[in-house]
Amino acid sequence: MRIGLAATSTDLNEVIAQGRSMEADGFTSLWFGNAILGDPLAGIAVVGRETKTLELGTSVLQTYPCHPLLQANRAASVANAMGRSFTLGIGPSHRALIEGFYGLSYEHPGRNTEEYARIMAQLLGGEKVDFEGEDWTTHGEVAVPQAHRVPLLISAMSPRLLRVAGELADGTITFLAGAKALESHVVPRIRAAAQAAGRPEPRIVVGLPVAVHEDIGEVRAALADRAAILDPLPNYQRILSLGGYERSTDVAITGNARSVKAQLRALLDAGASDIWAGIIAAGDDPQASRHRTLETLRELLD
């Protein structure tokens, strides 16, 4: 089973130590959220030089604040600095963040992301781009050598973006999509789009909170602050609803070790190719809770 973890520390040295430890333990990937270390690409460039086989990726970089040509140049530069590839996950984020923090319009996220992905796929493929769309215009190519191909994943939850991810990218990276939503919504759409476009089987990288902890109430309490931010966001409301859930705490993978293993295997049965776990430290002894979860995840590694 391909299992990765989320980088959570705000201290670069701690993230480096996490990466080294994960690589030694056989974990497959470490995923950097948009806000990690201020700019996750800076962290990836450093951690990538301190590890050898651990896949590093973004989960995910916001598209709106960064022009695709600049984004592609950044990605190629990071891969060159690492001396190996990493995985670039991108997505449109949420109206509340894009309009509230950046003052940018979020009127057409589907169209905006499709144009962005089309440009990025060409640039990362080594092509010169001449594109004039409704939202993005690009005339140029990546300005540095692309010695290491950077795979592209799209944070896709709507039918349109699942089609785009299948047609243009290497796959999708999701958050809060449970087994039911994967099986009925995500997997069939992205696979059909990839097949229609003559592309390889897409990666489906699934992110969820995970805690080996039998008191569900304590897990929900540990997630309460995060849930207060996530639950009002319409994009997450839709994917939760498709999975039969009302709140982000409901979709968390939790219970005893045996139950957690079964729930993770169910994600693979539903079509996930990879899992990235946001470990939740719950209860009166958070460190013990985290350790139990890590040990359980280690036992599932191929």
Protein backbone atom coordinates (compact mmCIF):
# COMPACT_ATOMS: atom_id res chain seq x y z
CA MET A 1 0.00 0.00 0.00
CA ARG A 2 1.34 3.41 -0.99
CA ILE A 3 0.97 5.65 2.07
CA GLY A 4 2.25 9.17 2.56
CA LEU A 5 1.90 11.71 5.32
CA ALA A 6 1.17 15.42 5.51
CA ALA A 7 3.94 17.80 6.52
CA THR A 8 2.65 19.86 9.41
CA SER A 9 5.57 21.57 11.14
CA THR A 10 6.40 25.24 10.67
CA ASP A 11 10.06 24.47 11.37
CA LEU A 12 12.14 23.44 8.34
CA ASN A 13 14.52 21.32 10.40
CA GLU A 14 11.59 19.35 11.78
CA VAL A 15 10.22 18.76 8.28
CA ILE A 16 13.66 17.57 7.14
CA ALA A 17 13.76 15.17 10.10
CA GLN A 18 10.24 13.97 9.26
CA GLY A 19 11.26 13.30 5.66
CA ARG A 20 14.36 11.35 6.66
CA SER A 21 12.42 9.30 9.19
CA MET A 22 9.63 8.54 6.73
CA GLU A 23 12.09 7.44 4.08
CA ALA A 24 13.81 5.11 6.53
CA ASP A 25 10.45 3.63 7.57
CA GLY A 26 9.33 2.98 3.99
CA PHE A 27 6.62 5.61 3.62
CA THR A 28 6.17 6.57 0.00
CA SER A 29 5.44 10.31 0.05
CA LEU A 30 5.36 13.56 2.02
CA TRP A 31 2.78 16.17 1.05
CA PHE A 32 3.13 19.91 1.61
CA GLY A 33 0.02 22.05 1.99
CA ASN A 34 -0.17 25.48 0.38
CA ALA A 35 0.78 27.30 3.59
CA ILE A 36 3.54 24.98 4.84
CA LEU A 37 6.75 26.92 5.56
CA GLY A 38 5.30 30.01 3.88
CA ASP A 39 6.05 28.56 0.45
CA PRO A 40 5.99 24.77 0.22
CA LEU A 41 8.20 24.73 -2.87
CA ALA A 42 11.05 26.21 -0.83
CA GLY A 43 10.66 23.43 1.72
CA ILE A 44 10.45 20.75 -0.97
CA ALA A 45 13.66 22.00 -2.58
CA VAL A 46 15.51 21.58 0.72
CA VAL A 47 13.92 18.31 1.87
CA GLY A 48 14.46 16.90 -1.61
CA ARG A 49 18.21 17.29 -1.18
CA GLU A 50 18.09 15.58 2.19
CA THR A 51 16.19 12.50 0.98
CA LYS A 52 16.65 10.15 -1.95
CA THR A 53 13.56 8.08 -2.70
CA LEU A 54 10.74 9.75 -0.77
CA GLU A 55 8.22 11.35 -3.14
CA LEU A 56 7.57 14.98 -2.26
CA GLY A 57 4.47 16.79 -3.45
CA THR A 58 2.21 19.79 -2.99
CA SER A 59 -1.33 19.28 -1.71
CA VAL A 60 -2.05 21.72 -3.17
CA LEU A 61 -0.69 24.98 -4.57
CA GLN A 62 -3.34 27.59 -5.30
CA THR A 63 -3.60 28.46 -8.98
CA TYR A 64 -5.12 31.93 -8.85
CA PRO A 65 -2.27 33.88 -7.19
CA CYS A 66 0.49 32.55 -9.48
CA HIS A 67 0.65 32.78 -13.28
CA PRO A 68 1.09 29.33 -14.86
CA LEU A 69 4.32 30.31 -16.62
CA LEU A 70 5.82 31.45 -13.33
CA GLN A 71 4.48 28.32 -11.63
CA ALA A 72 6.07 26.07 -14.24
CA ASN A 73 9.39 27.90 -13.93
CA ARG A 74 9.27 27.51 -10.16
CA ALA A 75 8.50 23.80 -10.47
CA ALA A 76 11.34 23.15 -12.90
CA SER A 77 13.75 25.16 -10.74
CA VAL A 78 12.81 23.18 -7.63
CA ALA A 79 13.31 19.86 -9.41
CA ASN A 80 16.69 21.05 -10.66
CA ALA A 81 17.67 22.15 -7.15
CA MET A 82 16.64 18.75 -5.75
CA GLY A 83 18.37 16.83 -8.50
CA ARG A 84 15.22 14.73 -8.91
CA SER A 85 11.53 15.16 -9.53
CA PHE A 86 8.64 16.01 -7.23
CA THR A 87 4.88 16.01 -7.78
CA LEU A 88 3.04 19.26 -8.36
CA GLY A 89 -0.52 19.27 -7.06
CA ILE A 90 -2.52 22.37 -7.99
CA GLY A 91 -6.07 23.53 -7.45
CA PRO A 92 -8.35 26.58 -7.48
CA SER A 93 -8.77 26.67 -3.70
CA HIS A 94 -11.97 28.29 -2.38
CA ARG A 95 -13.91 31.50 -2.96
CA ALA A 96 -13.49 32.63 0.64
CA LEU A 97 -9.71 32.45 0.35
CA ILE A 98 -9.19 33.71 -3.20
CA GLU A 99 -11.58 36.64 -2.88
CA GLY A 100 -11.04 37.26 0.82
CA PHE A 101 -7.24 37.07 0.96
CA TYR A 102 -6.19 38.07 -2.54
CA GLY A 103 -9.11 40.16 -3.78
CA LEU A 104 -9.31 38.10 -6.98
CA SER A 105 -12.47 37.03 -8.77
CA TYR A 106 -13.66 33.46 -8.23
CA GLU A 107 -16.49 33.63 -10.73
CA HIS A 108 -15.36 30.84 -13.05
CA PRO A 109 -13.18 28.37 -11.11
CA GLY A 110 -13.83 25.51 -13.53
CA ARG A 111 -12.90 27.47 -16.63
CA ASN A 112 -10.02 29.17 -14.86
CA THR A 113 -8.52 25.86 -13.69
CA GLU A 114 -9.02 24.17 -17.07
CA GLU A 115 -7.11 26.91 -18.85
CA TYR A 116 -4.43 26.86 -16.17
CA ALA A 117 -4.03 23.08 -16.37
CA ARG A 118 -3.84 23.13 -20.16
CA ILE A 119 -1.02 25.68 -20.04
CA MET A 120 0.81 23.90 -17.23
CA ALA A 121 0.64 20.49 -18.91
CA GLN A 122 2.20 21.91 -22.06
CA LEU A 123 4.89 23.87 -20.22
CA LEU A 124 5.87 20.95 -18.00
CA GLY A 125 5.94 18.79 -21.12
CA GLY A 126 8.67 21.01 -22.56
CA GLU A 127 6.48 22.82 -25.08
CA LYS A 128 6.38 26.46 -26.01
CA VAL A 129 2.91 27.82 -25.32
CA ASP A 130 0.91 30.38 -27.25
CA PHE A 131 -2.47 30.48 -25.54
CA GLU A 132 -5.05 33.20 -25.10
CA GLY A 133 -8.02 32.21 -23.00
CA GLU A 134 -10.78 33.92 -21.07
CA ASP A 135 -8.78 33.92 -17.84
CA TRP A 136 -5.14 33.14 -18.69
CA THR A 137 -2.81 34.15 -21.49
CA THR A 138 0.65 32.67 -21.95
CA HIS A 139 3.27 33.19 -24.63
CA GLY A 140 6.50 31.47 -23.74
CA GLU A 141 8.22 28.40 -22.37
CA VAL A 142 9.99 27.31 -19.21
CA ALA A 143 13.17 29.34 -18.94
CA VAL A 144 15.36 26.74 -17.22
CA PRO A 145 16.37 23.22 -18.31
CA GLN A 146 13.82 20.57 -17.39
CA ALA A 147 16.10 17.72 -16.46
CA HIS A 148 13.44 16.04 -14.32
CA ARG A 149 9.84 15.68 -15.43
CA VAL A 150 7.40 17.13 -12.88
CA PRO A 151 4.10 15.18 -12.77
CA LEU A 152 0.95 17.28 -12.49
CA LEU A 153 -2.02 16.46 -10.27
CA ILE A 154 -5.20 18.52 -10.09
CA SER A 155 -7.31 18.87 -6.98
CA ALA A 156 -10.51 17.77 -8.70
CA MET A 157 -13.88 17.21 -7.08
CA SER A 158 -16.35 18.55 -9.64
CA PRO A 159 -17.23 16.61 -12.82
CA ARG A 160 -15.55 19.26 -14.96
CA LEU A 161 -12.25 19.21 -13.12
CA LEU A 162 -12.22 15.42 -12.96
CA ARG A 163 -12.51 15.47 -16.75
CA VAL A 164 -9.69 18.01 -16.94
CA ALA A 165 -7.49 15.95 -14.60
CA GLY A 166 -8.04 12.85 -16.71
CA GLU A 167 -7.46 14.60 -20.04
CA LEU A 168 -4.54 16.85 -19.19
CA ALA A 169 -2.83 15.82 -15.97
CA ASP A 170 -1.30 12.73 -14.38
CA GLY A 171 -4.19 12.34 -11.98
CA THR A 172 -5.97 13.96 -9.08
CA ILE A 173 -5.28 14.64 -5.43
CA THR A 174 -8.34 14.79 -3.19
CA PHE A 175 -9.15 15.78 0.36
CA LEU A 176 -12.17 14.63 2.38
CA ALA A 177 -13.35 12.22 -0.32
CA GLY A 178 -14.44 8.99 1.35
CA ALA A 179 -14.74 5.56 -0.23
CA LYS A 180 -18.31 6.08 -1.45
CA ALA A 181 -17.48 9.40 -3.13
CA LEU A 182 -14.43 7.84 -4.76
CA GLU A 183 -16.27 4.83 -6.08
CA SER A 184 -19.38 6.61 -7.35
CA HIS A 185 -18.01 9.99 -8.43
CA VAL A 186 -14.24 10.52 -8.58
CA VAL A 187 -12.84 7.29 -9.97
CA PRO A 188 -15.23 6.58 -12.85
CA ARG A 189 -15.09 10.14 -14.14
CA ILE A 190 -11.35 10.61 -14.13
CA ARG A 191 -10.69 7.13 -15.55
CA ALA A 192 -13.20 7.65 -18.34
CA ALA A 193 -11.64 11.01 -19.22
CA ALA A 194 -8.12 9.58 -19.28
CA GLN A 195 -9.22 6.65 -21.42
CA ALA A 196 -11.05 8.91 -23.88
CA ALA A 197 -7.94 11.08 -24.19
CA GLY A 198 -5.69 8.06 -24.73
CA ARG A 199 -3.78 8.74 -21.53
CA PRO A 200 -2.39 6.29 -18.97
CA GLU A 201 -4.34 5.21 -15.89
CA PRO A 202 -4.51 8.32 -13.68
CA ARG A 203 -3.18 8.48 -10.15
CA ILE A 204 -5.82 9.07 -7.51
CA VAL A 205 -4.11 10.35 -4.39
CA VAL A 206 -6.58 10.44 -1.50
CA GLY A 207 -6.07 12.59 1.59
CA LEU A 208 -7.97 12.10 4.84
CA PRO A 209 -7.49 12.70 8.56
CA VAL A 210 -6.39 9.47 10.29
CA ALA A 211 -6.28 8.55 13.97
CA VAL A 212 -5.91 5.15 15.64
CA HIS A 213 -8.05 6.09 18.60
CA GLU A 214 -11.20 4.37 19.82
CA ASP A 215 -12.91 7.40 21.33
CA ILE A 216 -14.50 9.08 18.31
CA GLY A 217 -15.58 12.01 20.44
CA GLU A 218 -11.96 12.77 21.33
CA VAL A 219 -10.94 12.57 17.68
CA ARG A 220 -13.71 15.00 16.74
CA ALA A 221 -12.60 17.33 19.52
CA ALA A 222 -9.04 17.24 18.18
CA LEU A 223 -10.39 18.12 14.72
CA ALA A 224 -12.84 20.79 15.90
CA ASP A 225 -10.77 23.86 15.03
CA ARG A 226 -9.92 22.55 11.58
CA ALA A 227 -13.51 21.44 10.96
CA ALA A 228 -14.75 24.94 11.77
CA ILE A 229 -12.69 26.19 8.83
CA LEU A 230 -13.34 23.34 6.40
CA ASP A 231 -17.03 22.60 6.89
CA PRO A 232 -18.46 25.91 5.58
CA LEU A 233 -16.54 25.67 2.30
CA PRO A 234 -18.90 24.66 -0.55
CA ASN A 235 -16.30 22.55 -2.38
CA TYR A 236 -15.85 20.35 0.66
CA GLN A 237 -19.57 20.32 1.42
CA ARG A 238 -20.20 18.78 -2.00
CA ILE A 239 -17.62 16.03 -1.74
CA LEU A 240 -18.70 15.21 1.82
CA SER A 241 -22.32 14.99 0.70
CA LEU A 242 -21.40 12.64 -2.15
CA GLY A 243 -19.78 10.38 0.43
CA GLY A 244 -22.81 10.46 2.71
CA TYR A 245 -21.28 12.75 5.34
CA GLU A 246 -22.28 16.08 6.82
CA ARG A 247 -19.03 17.21 8.47
CA SER A 248 -15.33 16.74 7.85
CA THR A 249 -15.00 15.00 11.20
CA ASP A 250 -17.40 12.30 9.97
CA VAL A 251 -15.10 11.20 7.13
CA ALA A 252 -12.00 10.87 9.32
CA ILE A 253 -10.48 7.39 9.37
CA THR A 254 -10.59 6.42 13.03
CA GLY A 255 -11.13 3.53 15.43
CA ASN A 256 -8.85 0.76 16.64
CA ALA A 257 -5.92 -0.42 14.51
CA ARG A 258 -7.89 -3.20 12.85
CA SER A 259 -10.74 -0.85 11.92
CA VAL A 260 -8.39 1.82 10.57
CA LYS A 261 -6.61 -0.72 8.39
CA ALA A 262 -9.92 -1.95 6.99
CA GLN A 263 -11.08 1.60 6.22
CA LEU A 264 -7.82 2.40 4.43
CA ARG A 265 -8.04 -0.79 2.37
CA ALA A 266 -11.59 0.21 1.43
CA LEU A 267 -10.19 3.38 -0.14
CA LEU A 268 -7.93 1.27 -2.35
CA ASP A 269 -10.86 -0.99 -3.24
CA ALA A 270 -12.77 2.15 -4.25
CA GLY A 271 -10.00 3.12 -6.68
CA ALA A 272 -7.41 5.12 -4.74
CA SER A 273 -3.84 4.58 -5.94
CA ASP A 274 -2.21 6.36 -2.99
CA ILE A 275 -3.26 7.58 0.44
CA TRP A 276 -1.88 10.57 2.27
CA ALA A 277 -2.75 10.71 5.94
CA GLY A 278 -3.14 13.79 8.04
CA ILE A 279 -2.38 12.22 11.41
CA ILE A 280 -4.66 13.42 14.21
CA ALA A 281 -3.23 13.26 17.72
CA ALA A 282 -6.24 12.84 20.02
CA GLY A 283 -7.03 12.36 23.68
CA ASP A 284 -5.13 13.10 26.88
CA ASP A 285 -1.87 11.71 25.50
CA PRO A 286 -1.56 13.09 21.96
CA GLN A 287 1.96 11.75 21.49
CA ALA A 288 0.84 8.20 22.26
CA SER A 289 -2.09 8.63 19.89
CA ARG A 290 0.21 9.82 17.12
CA HIS A 291 2.63 6.94 17.76
CA ARG A 292 -0.17 4.35 17.55
CA THR A 293 -1.32 5.80 14.25
CA LEU A 294 2.18 5.85 12.77
CA GLU A 295 2.78 2.26 13.83
CA THR A 296 -0.49 1.14 12.26
CA LEU A 297 0.34 2.92 9.00
CA ARG A 298 3.80 1.36 8.95
CA GLU A 299 2.25 -2.08 9.18
CA LEU A 300 0.34 -1.42 5.96
CA LEU A 301 3.33 -0.42 3.88
CA ASP A 302 4.26 -2.76 1.05
